[in-house]
Amino acid sequence: MAEKETIFKKGEWVIVNGRYKWIGFITAISYALEEYEVQIVRREQGTDASFVNLSIWADFEETELMDGEISDAGIHQLIDMALDMKDKAWFLQLQNMLQKSEGVSL
């Protein structure tokens, strides 16, 4: 296996290419196996997309860094998923990603 020039970091959002396009974030890295453990939150196939919650291992070569920012609507959907999973740390992290509105407090 050819070594990839850039190794992504834990917590970075990535796209895993395969039969489907999987979108998620890196939770662990195996340098020996040249794989990332990715917490998948979305699967896309053509124009269809569905939210999922699964963890997969993906080869370095199958993984690319997700470019661009997640929209506020996308963050709200992820917040709903964090609430469903009762993951307070992820909820707070996502909440901090939302643009701050003046005069509004939680």
PDB file of N, CA and C in Angstrom:
ATOM      1  N   MET A   1       0.832  -1.173   0.000  1.00  0.00           N
ATOM      2  CA  MET A   1       0.000   0.000   0.000  1.00  0.00           C
ATOM      3  C   MET A   1       0.880   1.241   0.000  1.00  0.00           C
ATOM      4  N   ALA A   2       0.619   2.141  -0.898  1.00  0.00           N
ATOM      5  CA  ALA A   2       1.388   3.377  -0.958  1.00  0.00           C
ATOM      6  C   ALA A   2       0.996   4.277   0.202  1.00  0.00           C
ATOM      7  N   GLU A   3       1.991   4.924   0.773  1.00  0.00           N
ATOM      8  CA  GLU A   3       1.724   5.792   1.911  1.00  0.00           C
ATOM      9  C   GLU A   3       1.086   7.088   1.450  1.00  0.00           C
ATOM     10  N   LYS A   4       0.086   7.506   2.149  1.00  0.00           N
ATOM     11  CA  LYS A   4      -0.618   8.745   1.836  1.00  0.00           C
ATOM     12  C   LYS A   4       0.197   9.915   2.375  1.00  0.00           C
ATOM     13  N   GLU A   5       0.251  11.002   1.630  1.00  0.00           N
ATOM     14  CA  GLU A   5       1.041  12.150   2.037  1.00  0.00           C
ATOM     15  C   GLU A   5       0.528  12.769   3.328  1.00  0.00           C
ATOM     16  N   THR A   6      -0.773  12.917   3.443  1.00  0.00           N
ATOM     17  CA  THR A   6      -1.359  13.567   4.614  1.00  0.00           C
ATOM     18  C   THR A   6      -2.179  12.570   5.403  1.00  0.00           C
ATOM     19  N   ILE A   7      -1.872  12.461   6.669  1.00  0.00           N
ATOM     20  CA  ILE A   7      -2.677  11.634   7.576  1.00  0.00           C
ATOM     21  C   ILE A   7      -3.611  12.593   8.303  1.00  0.00           C
ATOM     22  N   PHE A   8      -4.884  12.291   8.271  1.00  0.00           N
ATOM     23  CA  PHE A   8      -5.860  13.160   8.915  1.00  0.00           C
ATOM     24  C   PHE A   8      -5.801  12.979  10.418  1.00  0.00           C
ATOM     25  N   LYS A   9      -6.383  13.921  11.132  1.00  0.00           N
ATOM     26  CA  LYS A   9      -6.365  13.908  12.584  1.00  0.00           C
ATOM     27  C   LYS A   9      -7.687  13.420  13.139  1.00  0.00           C
ATOM     28  N   LYS A  10      -7.626  12.950  14.353  1.00  0.00           N
ATOM     29  CA  LYS A  10      -8.822  12.532  15.067  1.00  0.00           C
ATOM     30  C   LYS A  10      -9.753  13.725  15.189  1.00  0.00           C
ATOM     31  N   GLY A  11     -11.042  13.522  14.908  1.00  0.00           N
ATOM     32  CA  GLY A  11     -12.036  14.578  15.005  1.00  0.00           C
ATOM     33  C   GLY A  11     -12.324  15.279  13.691  1.00  0.00           C
ATOM     34  N   GLU A  12     -11.479  15.073  12.664  1.00  0.00           N
ATOM     35  CA  GLU A  12     -11.719  15.734  11.387  1.00  0.00           C
ATOM     36  C   GLU A  12     -12.852  15.051  10.637  1.00  0.00           C
ATOM     37  N   TRP A  13     -13.635  15.844   9.905  1.00  0.00           N
ATOM     38  CA  TRP A  13     -14.743  15.345   9.108  1.00  0.00           C
ATOM     39  C   TRP A  13     -14.203  14.843   7.778  1.00  0.00           C
ATOM     40  N   VAL A  14     -14.630  13.649   7.387  1.00  0.00           N
ATOM     41  CA  VAL A  14     -14.123  13.022   6.171  1.00  0.00           C
ATOM     42  C   VAL A  14     -15.262  12.411   5.357  1.00  0.00           C
ATOM     43  N   ILE A  15     -14.923  12.108   4.103  1.00  0.00           N
ATOM     44  CA  ILE A  15     -15.801  11.370   3.214  1.00  0.00           C
ATOM     45  C   ILE A  15     -15.118  10.041   2.935  1.00  0.00           C
ATOM     46  N   VAL A  16     -15.839   8.942   3.100  1.00  0.00           N
ATOM     47  CA  VAL A  16     -15.325   7.613   2.799  1.00  0.00           C
ATOM     48  C   VAL A  16     -16.017   7.153   1.523  1.00  0.00           C
ATOM     49  N   ASN A  17     -15.217   6.895   0.506  1.00  0.00           N
ATOM     50  CA  ASN A  17     -15.759   6.487  -0.790  1.00  0.00           C
ATOM     51  C   ASN A  17     -15.776   4.969  -0.902  1.00  0.00           C
ATOM     52  N   GLY A  18     -16.831   4.457  -1.441  1.00  0.00           N
ATOM     53  CA  GLY A  18     -17.019   3.027  -1.644  1.00  0.00           C
ATOM     54  C   GLY A  18     -18.294   2.843  -2.429  1.00  0.00           C
ATOM     55  N   ARG A  19     -19.041   1.821  -2.092  1.00  0.00           N
ATOM     56  CA  ARG A  19     -20.341   1.626  -2.739  1.00  0.00           C
ATOM     57  C   ARG A  19     -21.233   2.842  -2.526  1.00  0.00           C
ATOM     58  N   TYR A  20     -21.167   3.401  -1.324  1.00  0.00           N
ATOM     59  CA  TYR A  20     -21.880   4.624  -0.975  1.00  0.00           C
ATOM     60  C   TYR A  20     -20.850   5.675  -0.606  1.00  0.00           C
ATOM     61  N   LYS A  21     -21.287   6.908  -0.538  1.00  0.00           N
ATOM     62  CA  LYS A  21     -20.450   7.978  -0.018  1.00  0.00           C
ATOM     63  C   LYS A  21     -20.861   8.152   1.434  1.00  0.00           C
ATOM     64  N   TRP A  22     -19.948   7.862   2.343  1.00  0.00           N
ATOM     65  CA  TRP A  22     -20.211   7.956   3.770  1.00  0.00           C
ATOM     66  C   TRP A  22     -19.586   9.238   4.297  1.00  0.00           C
ATOM     67  N   ILE A  23     -20.286   9.955   5.161  1.00  0.00           N
ATOM     68  CA  ILE A  23     -19.768  11.175   5.761  1.00  0.00           C
ATOM     69  C   ILE A  23     -19.743  10.983   7.268  1.00  0.00           C
ATOM     70  N   GLY A  24     -18.596  11.296   7.861  1.00  0.00           N
ATOM     71  CA  GLY A  24     -18.459  11.145   9.297  1.00  0.00           C
ATOM     72  C   GLY A  24     -17.189  11.799   9.800  1.00  0.00           C
ATOM     73  N   PHE A  25     -16.831  11.485  11.041  1.00  0.00           N
ATOM     74  CA  PHE A  25     -15.627  12.065  11.625  1.00  0.00           C
ATOM     75  C   PHE A  25     -14.753  10.958  12.191  1.00  0.00           C
ATOM     76  N   ILE A  26     -13.449  11.209  12.189  1.00  0.00           N
ATOM     77  CA  ILE A  26     -12.460  10.213  12.619  1.00  0.00           C
ATOM     78  C   ILE A  26     -12.465  10.117  14.141  1.00  0.00           C
ATOM     79  N   THR A  27     -12.577   8.876  14.644  1.00  0.00           N
ATOM     80  CA  THR A  27     -12.553   8.657  16.086  1.00  0.00           C
ATOM     81  C   THR A  27     -11.276   7.950  16.543  1.00  0.00           C
ATOM     82  N   ALA A  28     -10.588   7.266  15.608  1.00  0.00           N
ATOM     83  CA  ALA A  28      -9.338   6.575  15.951  1.00  0.00           C
ATOM     84  C   ALA A  28      -8.537   6.361  14.672  1.00  0.00           C
ATOM     85  N   ILE A  29      -7.238   6.157  14.847  1.00  0.00           N
ATOM     86  CA  ILE A  29      -6.349   5.944  13.714  1.00  0.00           C
ATOM     87  C   ILE A  29      -5.467   4.728  14.005  1.00  0.00           C
ATOM     88  N   SER A  30      -5.382   3.820  13.028  1.00  0.00           N
ATOM     89  CA  SER A  30      -4.468   2.677  13.120  1.00  0.00           C
ATOM     90  C   SER A  30      -3.379   2.890  12.076  1.00  0.00           C
ATOM     91  N   TYR A  31      -2.196   3.302  12.550  1.00  0.00           N
ATOM     92  CA  TYR A  31      -1.085   3.524  11.635  1.00  0.00           C
ATOM     93  C   TYR A  31      -0.550   2.203  11.089  1.00  0.00           C
ATOM     94  N   ALA A  32      -0.605   1.156  11.899  1.00  0.00           N
ATOM     95  CA  ALA A  32      -0.110  -0.157  11.470  1.00  0.00           C
ATOM     96  C   ALA A  32      -0.951  -0.722  10.323  1.00  0.00           C
ATOM     97  N   LEU A  33      -2.276  -0.568  10.410  1.00  0.00           N
ATOM     98  CA  LEU A  33      -3.168  -1.083   9.372  1.00  0.00           C
ATOM     99  C   LEU A  33      -3.509  -0.033   8.316  1.00  0.00           C
ATOM    100  N   GLU A  34      -3.040   1.200   8.534  1.00  0.00           N
ATOM    101  CA  GLU A  34      -3.331   2.324   7.644  1.00  0.00           C
ATOM    102  C   GLU A  34      -4.835   2.493   7.443  1.00  0.00           C
ATOM    103  N   GLU A  35      -5.531   2.602   8.587  1.00  0.00           N
ATOM    104  CA  GLU A  35      -6.984   2.749   8.580  1.00  0.00           C
ATOM    105  C   GLU A  35      -7.417   3.792   9.603  1.00  0.00           C
ATOM    106  N   TYR A  36      -8.558   4.394   9.301  1.00  0.00           N
ATOM    107  CA  TYR A  36      -9.231   5.295  10.237  1.00  0.00           C
ATOM    108  C   TYR A  36     -10.491   4.613  10.730  1.00  0.00           C
ATOM    109  N   GLU A  37     -10.806   4.805  12.003  1.00  0.00           N
ATOM    110  CA  GLU A  37     -12.140   4.454  12.481  1.00  0.00           C
ATOM    111  C   GLU A  37     -12.969   5.718  12.315  1.00  0.00           C
ATOM    112  N   VAL A  38     -14.082   5.597  11.599  1.00  0.00           N
ATOM    113  CA  VAL A  38     -14.905   6.755  11.290  1.00  0.00           C
ATOM    114  C   VAL A  38     -16.303   6.539  11.858  1.00  0.00           C
ATOM    115  N   GLN A  39     -16.775   7.516  12.625  1.00  0.00           N
ATOM    116  CA  GLN A  39     -18.153   7.510  13.115  1.00  0.00           C
ATOM    117  C   GLN A  39     -19.005   8.119  12.015  1.00  0.00           C
ATOM    118  N   ILE A  40     -19.779   7.283  11.354  1.00  0.00           N
ATOM    119  CA  ILE A  40     -20.579   7.704  10.210  1.00  0.00           C
ATOM    120  C   ILE A  40     -21.879   8.324  10.698  1.00  0.00           C
ATOM    121  N   VAL A  41     -22.223   9.477  10.111  1.00  0.00           N
ATOM    122  CA  VAL A  41     -23.479  10.130  10.464  1.00  0.00           C
ATOM    123  C   VAL A  41     -24.409  10.273   9.265  1.00  0.00           C
ATOM    124  N   ARG A  42     -23.863  10.083   8.060  1.00  0.00           N
ATOM    125  CA  ARG A  42     -24.705  10.268   6.871  1.00  0.00           C
ATOM    126  C   ARG A  42     -24.212   9.396   5.724  1.00  0.00           C
ATOM    127  N   ARG A  43     -25.164   8.847   4.979  1.00  0.00           N
ATOM    128  CA  ARG A  43     -24.866   8.068   3.775  1.00  0.00           C
ATOM    129  C   ARG A  43     -25.562   8.731   2.600  1.00  0.00           C
ATOM    130  N   GLU A  44     -24.819   8.936   1.524  1.00  0.00           N
ATOM    131  CA  GLU A  44     -25.405   9.549   0.343  1.00  0.00           C
ATOM    132  C   GLU A  44     -25.304   8.594  -0.828  1.00  0.00           C
ATOM    133  N   GLN A  45     -26.366   8.533  -1.597  1.00  0.00           N
ATOM    134  CA  GLN A  45     -26.385   7.745  -2.825  1.00  0.00           C
ATOM    135  C   GLN A  45     -27.156   8.569  -3.843  1.00  0.00           C
ATOM    136  N   GLY A  46     -26.422   9.143  -4.800  1.00  0.00           N
ATOM    137  CA  GLY A  46     -27.068  10.022  -5.772  1.00  0.00           C
ATOM    138  C   GLY A  46     -27.635  11.234  -5.073  1.00  0.00           C
ATOM    139  N   THR A  47     -28.915  11.456  -5.230  1.00  0.00           N
ATOM    140  CA  THR A  47     -29.559  12.597  -4.572  1.00  0.00           C
ATOM    141  C   THR A  47     -30.184  12.205  -3.236  1.00  0.00           C
ATOM    142  N   ASP A  48     -30.196  10.912  -2.924  1.00  0.00           N
ATOM    143  CA  ASP A  48     -30.772  10.445  -1.663  1.00  0.00           C
ATOM    144  C   ASP A  48     -29.716  10.485  -0.563  1.00  0.00           C
ATOM    145  N   ALA A  49     -30.128  10.919   0.611  1.00  0.00           N
ATOM    146  CA  ALA A  49     -29.241  10.935   1.772  1.00  0.00           C
ATOM    147  C   ALA A  49     -30.024  10.437   2.973  1.00  0.00           C
ATOM    148  N   SER A  50     -29.348   9.718   3.833  1.00  0.00           N
ATOM    149  CA  SER A  50     -30.001   9.266   5.053  1.00  0.00           C
ATOM    150  C   SER A  50     -29.014   9.380   6.204  1.00  0.00           C
ATOM    151  N   PHE A  51     -29.542   9.694   7.374  1.00  0.00           N
ATOM    152  CA  PHE A  51     -28.709   9.802   8.559  1.00  0.00           C
ATOM    153  C   PHE A  51     -28.608   8.433   9.211  1.00  0.00           C
ATOM    154  N   VAL A  52     -27.407   8.095   9.593  1.00  0.00           N
ATOM    155  CA  VAL A  52     -27.134   6.802  10.210  1.00  0.00           C
ATOM    156  C   VAL A  52     -26.227   7.036  11.414  1.00  0.00           C
ATOM    157  N   ASN A  53     -26.062   6.010  12.191  1.00  0.00           N
ATOM    158  CA  ASN A  53     -25.148   6.061  13.327  1.00  0.00           C
ATOM    159  C   ASN A  53     -24.420   4.734  13.380  1.00  0.00           C
ATOM    160  N   LEU A  54     -23.242   4.698  12.751  1.00  0.00           N
ATOM    161  CA  LEU A  54     -22.449   3.481  12.792  1.00  0.00           C
ATOM    162  C   LEU A  54     -20.982   3.833  12.726  1.00  0.00           C
ATOM    163  N   SER A  55     -20.163   2.909  13.119  1.00  0.00           N
ATOM    164  CA  SER A  55     -18.723   3.098  13.132  1.00  0.00           C
ATOM    165  C   SER A  55     -18.105   2.090  12.170  1.00  0.00           C
ATOM    166  N   ILE A  56     -17.208   2.578  11.285  1.00  0.00           N
ATOM    167  CA  ILE A  56     -16.549   1.687  10.337  1.00  0.00           C
ATOM    168  C   ILE A  56     -15.050   1.973  10.332  1.00  0.00           C
ATOM    169  N   TRP A  57     -14.279   1.002   9.835  1.00  0.00           N
ATOM    170  CA  TRP A  57     -12.856   1.199   9.593  1.00  0.00           C
ATOM    171  C   TRP A  57     -12.681   1.371   8.099  1.00  0.00           C
ATOM    172  N   ALA A  58     -11.937   2.413   7.697  1.00  0.00           N
ATOM    173  CA  ALA A  58     -11.732   2.708   6.281  1.00  0.00           C
ATOM    174  C   ALA A  58     -10.243   2.897   6.013  1.00  0.00           C
ATOM    175  N   ASP A  59      -9.780   2.369   4.882  1.00  0.00           N
ATOM    176  CA  ASP A  59      -8.389   2.541   4.472  1.00  0.00           C
ATOM    177  C   ASP A  59      -8.076   4.011   4.253  1.00  0.00           C
ATOM    178  N   PHE A  60      -6.817   4.377   4.480  1.00  0.00           N
ATOM    179  CA  PHE A  60      -6.391   5.754   4.222  1.00  0.00           C
ATOM    180  C   PHE A  60      -6.759   6.179   2.800  1.00  0.00           C
ATOM    181  N   GLU A  61      -6.559   5.277   1.823  1.00  0.00           N
ATOM    182  CA  GLU A  61      -6.786   5.606   0.419  1.00  0.00           C
ATOM    183  C   GLU A  61      -8.251   5.852   0.082  1.00  0.00           C
ATOM    184  N   GLU A  62      -9.183   5.299   0.867  1.00  0.00           N
ATOM    185  CA  GLU A  62     -10.615   5.459   0.609  1.00  0.00           C
ATOM    186  C   GLU A  62     -11.176   6.721   1.242  1.00  0.00           C
ATOM    187  N   THR A  63     -10.348   7.432   1.990  1.00  0.00           N
ATOM    188  CA  THR A  63     -10.829   8.532   2.805  1.00  0.00           C
ATOM    189  C   THR A  63     -10.274   9.855   2.304  1.00  0.00           C
ATOM    190  N   GLU A  64     -11.156  10.853   2.213  1.00  0.00           N
ATOM    191  CA  GLU A  64     -10.722  12.195   1.832  1.00  0.00           C
ATOM    192  C   GLU A  64     -11.291  13.202   2.817  1.00  0.00           C
ATOM    193  N   LEU A  65     -10.552  14.264   3.026  1.00  0.00           N
ATOM    194  CA  LEU A  65     -10.980  15.307   3.943  1.00  0.00           C
ATOM    195  C   LEU A  65     -12.198  16.019   3.374  1.00  0.00           C
ATOM    196  N   MET A  66     -13.178  16.238   4.205  1.00  0.00           N
ATOM    197  CA  MET A  66     -14.390  16.921   3.761  1.00  0.00           C
ATOM    198  C   MET A  66     -14.099  18.403   3.655  1.00  0.00           C
ATOM    199  N   ASP A  67     -14.275  18.947   2.470  1.00  0.00           N
ATOM    200  CA  ASP A  67     -14.037  20.372   2.293  1.00  0.00           C
ATOM    201  C   ASP A  67     -15.337  21.131   2.496  1.00  0.00           C
ATOM    202  N   GLY A  68     -15.212  22.371   2.851  1.00  0.00           N
ATOM    203  CA  GLY A  68     -16.402  23.188   3.071  1.00  0.00           C
ATOM    204  C   GLY A  68     -16.905  23.049   4.497  1.00  0.00           C
ATOM    205  N   GLU A  69     -17.803  23.894   4.807  1.00  0.00           N
ATOM    206  CA  GLU A  69     -18.379  23.941   6.143  1.00  0.00           C
ATOM    207  C   GLU A  69     -19.743  23.264   6.148  1.00  0.00           C
ATOM    208  N   ILE A  70     -20.129  22.787   7.289  1.00  0.00           N
ATOM    209  CA  ILE A  70     -21.458  22.211   7.451  1.00  0.00           C
ATOM    210  C   ILE A  70     -22.429  23.374   7.657  1.00  0.00           C
ATOM    211  N   SER A  71     -23.555  23.342   6.966  1.00  0.00           N
ATOM    212  CA  SER A  71     -24.547  24.417   7.103  1.00  0.00           C
ATOM    213  C   SER A  71     -25.201  24.347   8.481  1.00  0.00           C
ATOM    214  N   ASP A  72     -25.817  25.474   8.869  1.00  0.00           N
ATOM    215  CA  ASP A  72     -26.536  25.497  10.145  1.00  0.00           C
ATOM    216  C   ASP A  72     -27.641  24.442  10.172  1.00  0.00           C
ATOM    217  N   ALA A  73     -28.314  24.244   9.027  1.00  0.00           N
ATOM    218  CA  ALA A  73     -29.374  23.228   8.960  1.00  0.00           C
ATOM    219  C   ALA A  73     -28.778  21.840   9.200  1.00  0.00           C
ATOM    220  N   GLY A  74     -27.614  21.576   8.631  1.00  0.00           N
ATOM    221  CA  GLY A  74     -26.946  20.291   8.844  1.00  0.00           C
ATOM    222  C   GLY A  74     -26.529  20.109  10.290  1.00  0.00           C
ATOM    223  N   ILE A  75     -26.047  21.193  10.907  1.00  0.00           N
ATOM    224  CA  ILE A  75     -25.663  21.119  12.320  1.00  0.00           C
ATOM    225  C   ILE A  75     -26.888  20.849  13.185  1.00  0.00           C
ATOM    226  N   HIS A  76     -28.024  21.470  12.863  1.00  0.00           N
ATOM    227  CA  HIS A  76     -29.249  21.210  13.631  1.00  0.00           C
ATOM    228  C   HIS A  76     -29.659  19.742  13.528  1.00  0.00           C
ATOM    229  N   GLN A  77     -29.499  19.148  12.355  1.00  0.00           N
ATOM    230  CA  GLN A  77     -29.821  17.726  12.199  1.00  0.00           C
ATOM    231  C   GLN A  77     -28.872  16.864  13.021  1.00  0.00           C
ATOM    232  N   LEU A  78     -27.601  17.233  13.050  1.00  0.00           N
ATOM    233  CA  LEU A  78     -26.646  16.485  13.867  1.00  0.00           C
ATOM    234  C   LEU A  78     -26.938  16.665  15.357  1.00  0.00           C
ATOM    235  N   ILE A  79     -27.378  17.857  15.749  1.00  0.00           N
ATOM    236  CA  ILE A  79     -27.761  18.094  17.143  1.00  0.00           C
ATOM    237  C   ILE A  79     -28.921  17.178  17.528  1.00  0.00           C
ATOM    238  N   ASP A  80     -29.898  17.046  16.626  1.00  0.00           N
ATOM    239  CA  ASP A  80     -31.007  16.124  16.894  1.00  0.00           C
ATOM    240  C   ASP A  80     -30.498  14.704  17.099  1.00  0.00           C
ATOM    241  N   MET A  81     -29.525  14.296  16.275  1.00  0.00           N
ATOM    242  CA  MET A  81     -28.964  12.954  16.414  1.00  0.00           C
ATOM    243  C   MET A  81     -28.229  12.815  17.757  1.00  0.00           C
ATOM    244  N   ALA A  82     -27.478  13.847  18.151  1.00  0.00           N
ATOM    245  CA  ALA A  82     -26.766  13.806  19.430  1.00  0.00           C
ATOM    246  C   ALA A  82     -27.747  13.696  20.589  1.00  0.00           C
ATOM    247  N   LEU A  83     -28.875  14.399  20.485  1.00  0.00           N
ATOM    248  CA  LEU A  83     -29.899  14.303  21.525  1.00  0.00           C
ATOM    249  C   LEU A  83     -30.508  12.907  21.569  1.00  0.00           C
ATOM    250  N   ASP A  84     -30.785  12.328  20.396  1.00  0.00           N
ATOM    251  CA  ASP A  84     -31.328  10.971  20.344  1.00  0.00           C
ATOM    252  C   ASP A  84     -30.370   9.963  20.975  1.00  0.00           C
ATOM    253  N   MET A  85     -29.067  10.199  20.781  1.00  0.00           N
ATOM    254  CA  MET A  85     -28.048   9.288  21.310  1.00  0.00           C
ATOM    255  C   MET A  85     -27.686   9.600  22.764  1.00  0.00           C
ATOM    256  N   LYS A  86     -28.241  10.709  23.284  1.00  0.00           N
ATOM    257  CA  LYS A  86     -27.942  11.161  24.647  1.00  0.00           C
ATOM    258  C   LYS A  86     -26.440  11.406  24.838  1.00  0.00           C
ATOM    259  N   ASP A  87     -25.813  11.983  23.788  1.00  0.00           N
ATOM    260  CA  ASP A  87     -24.378  12.267  23.804  1.00  0.00           C
ATOM    261  C   ASP A  87     -24.186  13.750  24.110  1.00  0.00           C
ATOM    262  N   LYS A  88     -24.045  14.070  25.394  1.00  0.00           N
ATOM    263  CA  LYS A  88     -23.966  15.458  25.830  1.00  0.00           C
ATOM    264  C   LYS A  88     -22.723  16.162  25.279  1.00  0.00           C
ATOM    265  N   ALA A  89     -21.577  15.494  25.272  1.00  0.00           N
ATOM    266  CA  ALA A  89     -20.336  16.112  24.786  1.00  0.00           C
ATOM    267  C   ALA A  89     -20.459  16.492  23.314  1.00  0.00           C
ATOM    268  N   TRP A  90     -21.009  15.593  22.510  1.00  0.00           N
ATOM    269  CA  TRP A  90     -21.170  15.879  21.083  1.00  0.00           C
ATOM    270  C   TRP A  90     -22.188  17.006  20.883  1.00  0.00           C
ATOM    271  N   PHE A  91     -23.270  16.976  21.664  1.00  0.00           N
ATOM    272  CA  PHE A  91     -24.282  18.035  21.597  1.00  0.00           C
ATOM    273  C   PHE A  91     -23.652  19.401  21.858  1.00  0.00           C
ATOM    274  N   LEU A  92     -22.849  19.500  22.916  1.00  0.00           N
ATOM    275  CA  LEU A  92     -22.222  20.776  23.252  1.00  0.00           C
ATOM    276  C   LEU A  92     -21.237  21.215  22.172  1.00  0.00           C
ATOM    277  N   GLN A  93     -20.495  20.258  21.606  1.00  0.00           N
ATOM    278  CA  GLN A  93     -19.562  20.581  20.530  1.00  0.00           C
ATOM    279  C   GLN A  93     -20.315  21.124  19.316  1.00  0.00           C
ATOM    280  N   LEU A  94     -21.404  20.472  18.955  1.00  0.00           N
ATOM    281  CA  LEU A  94     -22.203  20.931  17.812  1.00  0.00           C
ATOM    282  C   LEU A  94     -22.851  22.280  18.093  1.00  0.00           C
ATOM    283  N   GLN A  95     -23.323  22.469  19.293  1.00  0.00           N
ATOM    284  CA  GLN A  95     -23.959  23.729  19.661  1.00  0.00           C
ATOM    285  C   GLN A  95     -22.969  24.886  19.523  1.00  0.00           C
ATOM    286  N   ASN A  96     -21.712  24.662  19.874  1.00  0.00           N
ATOM    287  CA  ASN A  96     -20.688  25.697  19.744  1.00  0.00           C
ATOM    288  C   ASN A  96     -20.356  26.000  18.290  1.00  0.00           C
ATOM    289  N   MET A  97     -20.694  25.092  17.376  1.00  0.00           N
ATOM    290  CA  MET A  97     -20.436  25.313  15.957  1.00  0.00           C
ATOM    291  C   MET A  97     -21.459  26.249  15.316  1.00  0.00           C
ATOM    292  N   LEU A  98     -22.626  26.394  15.941  1.00  0.00           N
ATOM    293  CA  LEU A  98     -23.659  27.270  15.393  1.00  0.00           C
ATOM    294  C   LEU A  98     -23.227  28.718  15.496  1.00  0.00           C
ATOM    295  N   GLN A  99     -23.590  29.501  14.490  1.00  0.00           N
ATOM    296  CA  GLN A  99     -23.282  30.926  14.543  1.00  0.00           C
ATOM    297  C   GLN A  99     -24.073  31.559  15.666  1.00  0.00           C
ATOM    298  N   LYS A 100     -23.407  32.416  16.392  1.00  0.00           N
ATOM    299  CA  LYS A 100     -24.044  33.060  17.535  1.00  0.00           C
ATOM    300  C   LYS A 100     -25.004  34.141  17.075  1.00  0.00           C
ATOM    301  N   SER A 101     -26.191  34.166  17.677  1.00  0.00           N
ATOM    302  CA  SER A 101     -27.189  35.192  17.378  1.00  0.00           C
ATOM    303  C   SER A 101     -27.191  36.200  18.510  1.00  0.00           C
ATOM    304  N   GLU A 102     -27.229  37.493  18.166  1.00  0.00           N
ATOM    305  CA  GLU A 102     -27.243  38.525  19.184  1.00  0.00           C
ATOM    306  C   GLU A 102     -28.594  38.575  19.869  1.00  0.00           C
ATOM    307  N   GLY A 103     -28.581  38.806  21.165  1.00  0.00           N
ATOM    308  CA  GLY A 103     -29.813  38.958  21.915  1.00  0.00           C
ATOM    309  C   GLY A 103     -30.520  37.654  22.234  1.00  0.00           C
ATOM    310  N   VAL A 104     -29.925  36.538  21.888  1.00  0.00           N
ATOM    311  CA  VAL A 104     -30.525  35.239  22.165  1.00  0.00           C
ATOM    312  C   VAL A 104     -29.596  34.485  23.103  1.00  0.00           C
ATOM    313  N   SER A 105     -30.152  33.945  24.166  1.00  0.00           N
ATOM    314  CA  SER A 105     -29.338  33.143  25.072  1.00  0.00           C
ATOM    315  C   SER A 105     -30.069  31.853  25.370  1.00  0.00           C
ATOM    316  N   LEU A 106     -29.297  30.846  25.653  1.00  0.00           N
ATOM    317  CA  LEU A 106     -29.881  29.544  25.978  1.00  0.00           C
ATOM    318  C   LEU A 106     -29.828  29.295  27.453  1.00  0.00           C
TER     319      LEU A 106
END
